[in-house]
Amino acid sequence: MVEKDAVSENLGKQVLGYGLTTAEIVYRCPDSQWLLQTYVWQDYDLFPNFPALKDFLAFWQQELDGPLFAVTVAHSKLIKPTELRAVDGVFRLH
């Protein structure tokens, strides 16, 4: 069950320009440095500075034992400007 406030907060972020950001984090296992593992992080964040992702990665480096190896980021704005065009005097979405 999704809480009403959570939906409103996410929609509010999207209206403010946030987009869905997904990061694949590859890190070394603390006990076996030769072994790499992956972790997928996803949240709404601002392109191009990604403050939420940077905060998460800073937390990772300070609090967790597995050193980071690589981070790959994908970002998409889910709410985009629409294209309006008048056709025969009527505005239609395209």
C-alpha atoms as a PDB file:
ATOM      1  CA  MET A   1       0.000   0.000   0.000  1.00  0.00           C
ATOM      2  CA  VAL A   2       1.395   3.400  -1.016  1.00  0.00           C
ATOM      3  CA  GLU A   3       1.035   6.287   1.391  1.00  0.00           C
ATOM      4  CA  LYS A   4      -0.691   9.400   0.081  1.00  0.00           C
ATOM      5  CA  ASP A   5       2.110  11.712   1.309  1.00  0.00           C
ATOM      6  CA  ALA A   6       4.821   9.666  -0.436  1.00  0.00           C
ATOM      7  CA  VAL A   7       3.075   9.984  -3.797  1.00  0.00           C
ATOM      8  CA  SER A   8       2.573  13.713  -3.338  1.00  0.00           C
ATOM      9  CA  GLU A   9       6.221  14.233  -2.352  1.00  0.00           C
ATOM     10  CA  ASN A  10       7.538  12.386  -5.417  1.00  0.00           C
ATOM     11  CA  LEU A  11       5.207  14.237  -7.769  1.00  0.00           C
ATOM     12  CA  GLY A  12       6.221  17.520  -6.160  1.00  0.00           C
ATOM     13  CA  LYS A  13       9.883  16.722  -6.790  1.00  0.00           C
ATOM     14  CA  GLN A  14       9.171  15.939 -10.442  1.00  0.00           C
ATOM     15  CA  VAL A  15       7.372  19.261 -10.894  1.00  0.00           C
ATOM     16  CA  LEU A  16      10.417  21.020  -9.408  1.00  0.00           C
ATOM     17  CA  GLY A  17      12.693  19.447 -12.033  1.00  0.00           C
ATOM     18  CA  TYR A  18      13.829  16.273 -10.322  1.00  0.00           C
ATOM     19  CA  GLY A  19      14.188  13.190 -12.474  1.00  0.00           C
ATOM     20  CA  LEU A  20      14.454   9.503 -11.732  1.00  0.00           C
ATOM     21  CA  THR A  21      18.118   8.637 -11.221  1.00  0.00           C
ATOM     22  CA  THR A  22      19.470   5.102 -11.176  1.00  0.00           C
ATOM     23  CA  ALA A  23      23.057   4.326 -10.233  1.00  0.00           C
ATOM     24  CA  GLU A  24      24.813   1.001 -10.601  1.00  0.00           C
ATOM     25  CA  ILE A  25      27.478   0.968  -7.891  1.00  0.00           C
ATOM     26  CA  VAL A  26      30.294  -1.547  -8.288  1.00  0.00           C
ATOM     27  CA  TYR A  27      32.349  -2.069  -5.149  1.00  0.00           C
ATOM     28  CA  ARG A  28      35.041  -4.356  -3.789  1.00  0.00           C
ATOM     29  CA  CYS A  29      34.072  -6.852  -1.100  1.00  0.00           C
ATOM     30  CA  PRO A  30      35.700  -5.912   2.219  1.00  0.00           C
ATOM     31  CA  ASP A  31      37.064  -9.420   2.907  1.00  0.00           C
ATOM     32  CA  SER A  32      38.053 -10.288  -0.678  1.00  0.00           C
ATOM     33  CA  GLN A  33      39.299  -7.170  -2.459  1.00  0.00           C
ATOM     34  CA  TRP A  34      39.593  -9.054  -5.771  1.00  0.00           C
ATOM     35  CA  LEU A  35      35.826  -9.769  -5.778  1.00  0.00           C
ATOM     36  CA  LEU A  36      33.474  -7.111  -7.182  1.00  0.00           C
ATOM     37  CA  GLN A  37      29.780  -6.816  -6.328  1.00  0.00           C
ATOM     38  CA  THR A  38      27.041  -4.477  -7.527  1.00  0.00           C
ATOM     39  CA  TYR A  39      24.391  -2.430  -5.767  1.00  0.00           C
ATOM     40  CA  VAL A  40      21.582  -0.537  -7.536  1.00  0.00           C
ATOM     41  CA  TRP A  41      20.500   2.803  -6.035  1.00  0.00           C
ATOM     42  CA  GLN A  42      17.448   4.707  -7.271  1.00  0.00           C
ATOM     43  CA  ASP A  43      15.900   8.011  -6.179  1.00  0.00           C
ATOM     44  CA  TYR A  44      14.691  11.336  -7.538  1.00  0.00           C
ATOM     45  CA  ASP A  45      17.632  13.674  -8.079  1.00  0.00           C
ATOM     46  CA  LEU A  46      18.638  16.847  -9.911  1.00  0.00           C
ATOM     47  CA  PHE A  47      20.669  16.683 -13.125  1.00  0.00           C
ATOM     48  CA  PRO A  48      23.597  17.453 -13.615  1.00  0.00           C
ATOM     49  CA  ASN A  49      24.910  17.821 -10.040  1.00  0.00           C
ATOM     50  CA  PHE A  50      23.084  14.822  -8.473  1.00  0.00           C
ATOM     51  CA  PRO A  51      23.148  16.062  -4.842  1.00  0.00           C
ATOM     52  CA  ALA A  52      21.200  13.053  -3.455  1.00  0.00           C
ATOM     53  CA  LEU A  53      23.523  10.568  -5.168  1.00  0.00           C
ATOM     54  CA  LYS A  54      26.605  12.453  -3.988  1.00  0.00           C
ATOM     55  CA  ASP A  55      25.269  12.393  -0.407  1.00  0.00           C
ATOM     56  CA  PHE A  56      24.655   8.643  -0.653  1.00  0.00           C
ATOM     57  CA  LEU A  57      28.142   7.989  -2.051  1.00  0.00           C
ATOM     58  CA  ALA A  58      29.702  10.136   0.705  1.00  0.00           C
ATOM     59  CA  PHE A  59      27.786   8.091   3.294  1.00  0.00           C
ATOM     60  CA  TRP A  60      29.000   4.887   1.598  1.00  0.00           C
ATOM     61  CA  GLN A  61      32.638   5.955   1.739  1.00  0.00           C
ATOM     62  CA  GLN A  62      32.432   7.068   5.377  1.00  0.00           C
ATOM     63  CA  GLU A  63      30.307   4.297   6.876  1.00  0.00           C
ATOM     64  CA  LEU A  64      30.687   1.140   4.762  1.00  0.00           C
ATOM     65  CA  ASP A  65      33.714  -1.102   4.349  1.00  0.00           C
ATOM     66  CA  GLY A  66      33.422  -1.974   0.640  1.00  0.00           C
ATOM     67  CA  PRO A  67      35.552   0.488  -1.388  1.00  0.00           C
ATOM     68  CA  LEU A  68      33.882   1.907  -4.498  1.00  0.00           C
ATOM     69  CA  PHE A  69      35.173   0.637  -7.838  1.00  0.00           C
ATOM     70  CA  ALA A  70      32.821   2.292 -10.377  1.00  0.00           C
ATOM     71  CA  VAL A  71      29.510   4.164 -10.524  1.00  0.00           C
ATOM     72  CA  THR A  72      27.330   4.302 -13.663  1.00  0.00           C
ATOM     73  CA  VAL A  73      24.436   6.772 -13.665  1.00  0.00           C
ATOM     74  CA  ALA A  74      21.242   6.944 -15.744  1.00  0.00           C
ATOM     75  CA  HIS A  75      18.807   9.846 -15.406  1.00  0.00           C
ATOM     76  CA  SER A  76      15.436  10.674 -16.955  1.00  0.00           C
ATOM     77  CA  LYS A  77      12.972  13.465 -16.345  1.00  0.00           C
ATOM     78  CA  LEU A  78       9.563  11.858 -16.150  1.00  0.00           C
ATOM     79  CA  ILE A  79       7.595  15.085 -16.508  1.00  0.00           C
ATOM     80  CA  LYS A  80       8.594  16.918 -19.670  1.00  0.00           C
ATOM     81  CA  PRO A  81       7.208  19.942 -21.470  1.00  0.00           C
ATOM     82  CA  THR A  82       4.465  19.009 -23.881  1.00  0.00           C
ATOM     83  CA  GLU A  83       4.337  20.082 -27.493  1.00  0.00           C
ATOM     84  CA  LEU A  84       1.214  22.058 -28.322  1.00  0.00           C
ATOM     85  CA  ARG A  85       0.230  22.926 -31.854  1.00  0.00           C
ATOM     86  CA  ALA A  86      -2.872  24.607 -33.234  1.00  0.00           C
ATOM     87  CA  VAL A  87      -4.657  22.429 -35.798  1.00  0.00           C
ATOM     88  CA  ASP A  88      -7.654  24.121 -37.432  1.00  0.00           C
ATOM     89  CA  GLY A  89      -7.794  26.598 -34.537  1.00  0.00           C
ATOM     90  CA  VAL A  90      -7.832  23.850 -31.883  1.00  0.00           C
ATOM     91  CA  PHE A  91      -4.848  23.146 -29.625  1.00  0.00           C
ATOM     92  CA  ARG A  92      -3.903  19.459 -29.548  1.00  0.00           C
ATOM     93  CA  LEU A  93      -1.235  17.552 -27.678  1.00  0.00           C
ATOM     94  CA  HIS A  94       1.385  15.753 -29.769  1.00  0.00           C
END
